[in-house]
Amino acid sequence: MTSSPLPLVIAGPVLRHTQQAGFTLWLVTSEPADIDVSLHQAQQAQNSNTTDRVIQVGEKAFIHVLTCSPQSPLAANTLYHYQLNFNHTEQQQRWQSELPSLCYPGQNDLHFRVPAALSNVLHGSCRKPHHPSEDSLVRVDELIHQECEGGAQRPDLLLMTGDQIYADDVAGPMLQAIIQTIRRLGLFHEDLDEAIVDSTAQLDGHPYCYYHRQQILPQVATNTALSKLFFGAKKKPVFTSVNAQNHLIGLAEVIAMYLLVWSQSLWADISFNADEVDPDHQALFDREADIIEQFSKSLGQVRRALAHIPTYMIFDDHDVTDDWNLTHGWEQEVYGHPLSRRMVGNALAGYWLCQGWANQPDRFTAIEKLANENFTAQGMMNHPAFIDALFDWEQWHYQLDTQPPVHVLDTRTRRWRSESSLNKPSGLMDWEALCEFQHQLIGQDAVIVVSAAPIYGVKFIEVIQKLFTLAGKALTVDAENWMAHKGTASVILNIFRHYKTPPHFIILSGDVHYSFVYDVRLRFRRNSPEITQFTCSGIKNTFPDTLIRWLDRFNQWFYSTRSPLNIFTRRRNMSVHDRHPDSNDSIALLNQSAIGQMLIDPEIENVRCIALCSNGDTVEFPPELSEDETPAREQ
């Protein structure tokens, strides 16, 4: 197949950090470019300055983080229009030919509003391209389109709360598309230590490339006396993902994945060839190819939406690898092997380049300096040192100065390790990180907190995870919940019980591949904070349907209002009321791919939680009870 000319802008612009002092755009160009951003409101030009931070990641791939700083502060809740201006005339002409695909009907440019008092917030996580459901990010595009047609105003912002990509669970056709993208853009390869290939360039065409990458991934000798006695010198995989057959290895693969899930521009020249995989996997390849093709067809709408709404992101495990930092033992094995350490570092580097950096660029000055030393026109010059710096970084969390403020937690890299066993789950945040978080809450009237995993989980599922943990099998059931580590559980619950806790507390989470809403109040306290947790997951993923129905049913049976089991939970001093989707009393867990929409009034007294499902359904979780009614169910 003959490739068409590369577009000038391969991916983006994605509207990122947006405040009255200015806004940030993330985009990728196929050649060096000097770009300014112009701004106007009501057809009046706004004087501004542009900072263009650029990292070259391939011969034809340049990541830009553009910050436009107006001379006068932007007005909140006012529609502004923006335009990319390339200083080279030929590039500007090419951009003008590419721009219409990003504009809504009747529009000639891109536009946004600065969020201030939040009343309409979108959030979601877990976007797996080869899951058979549709991509619910299309619902975001529909909301913005409706405003352009004279409908309701678009939401204030979009929070992507984890697993924006699946680096550890990749379909064969997607991996084939990734490899074609690496070739086409000349994404930089790297040398590897203690691997069966010397360079990531050798993965292309290797017999283990498709569906056999577990043969490439590192293994370690079993290290317990019993395992040696019964199994001799057998080895076990370092990575715990059950879907590691196509696990991404090099940074080039990670970057290519981001380009392919954020933009449609490269897909026209992607072709699938089942003959490149072994006969045993060709039927699976064909099934996955149909789903990936459908996924790619909606990317134009997704890209358009992300150019028009402020978007913030935080990682979870699949952005890097399954069970990332779940136990201290996992950390010792993964970071103790050069190849697995490099793979985790590459995924974290890809996260920084394509997600984390543009959340708040000024926070990453030190990382940006090292990146500029590493990424050059000749390739990566000091990649191990760059990865070491990312591992040492402790500022992945961030806050938004909106009303109410938004606190986005890092629940992956600052973990509270178990002191009693290498195989027990680590706490999602360590004592120091939790203390910093609590200090930030003091004096606030209301807050929105983003936690990748629900702080208040489904209790029956948590009990199952606890039983597996006691059997030494925490990795088997992904025992990553806030209650799994005694220290972390005690501190986070004490934060809610503290007398200086904000009276209005909203928690947004995902991770679990089903959606639910809890209203939480403190028992035995007259002035309890009002806590609402809205878990919405996944954007393009669901839980096994029959299994989640039984888990939902068992949870409502075993943890009903009068169940004596409630007194054995860590949150026994809290009343947890679930909201039933569309007032359906038979279920509490919604198992559909969806984007969550949270509508709040200025006093934060009424929090509406809505799931915008990928199949077009709109499901609301209405509060079931008024304050003076007897609760139907508590946990």
Foldseek 3Di string as FASTA:
>chain_A
DDDDDAQQWLFDQFWAAFAQQWTKTKTKGQADWDKDKWKDAPPHTFAWGKDWQWFDQFLGIIITIIIIGTPGGDDAPGKMWMDIDTPDPVNRVSVQVVQVLLDAPPDRTAIEGGFFAFFKEWEFEADEQLFQFAFFLLVLLVQCNQVVVVHDDHGQFYEYQACPDQLQAHAQLLLQQLVVVCVVSGGFKDAAPPWPDGIPVVLVLDLQQAQNCQVGADWAFDDDPVCCVPPNGDIDGLALDPRRSNRDFALSSLLSSLSQQQALRSVVPRDDDLVSHDPVCSVVNVSSVVSNVSSSVCNSSSSSSSSYHHYAYAYDASLQGACQQFFQLSVCSQCVDRRSLNSSLSSLVSCCSRHQCSNPVVVCPVLSVVSVVQRDSVHGDPSVVSSVVSLVDDPSWDWDNHVVIETEDQQRRAWAHDPPDRLQTTASHHPVSLVVVLVVQFPGQEYEYEDAADQDDLVLLLVVLQVCVVVSRNSVSVNHYNVRDPVSNVSVVVSQVDPRGHLYYEYEYEPPQKWWKKWKFFAPDDRHRTYIYTYADHSRGWDPVVVVLVSQQVSCVCQFAPHPCLVVGPRNRMWIAIFCKVNPVSGGIGTANFMWMWGADSSRPDIKIWTCGSVRDIITRHDDDDPPDDGRGTD
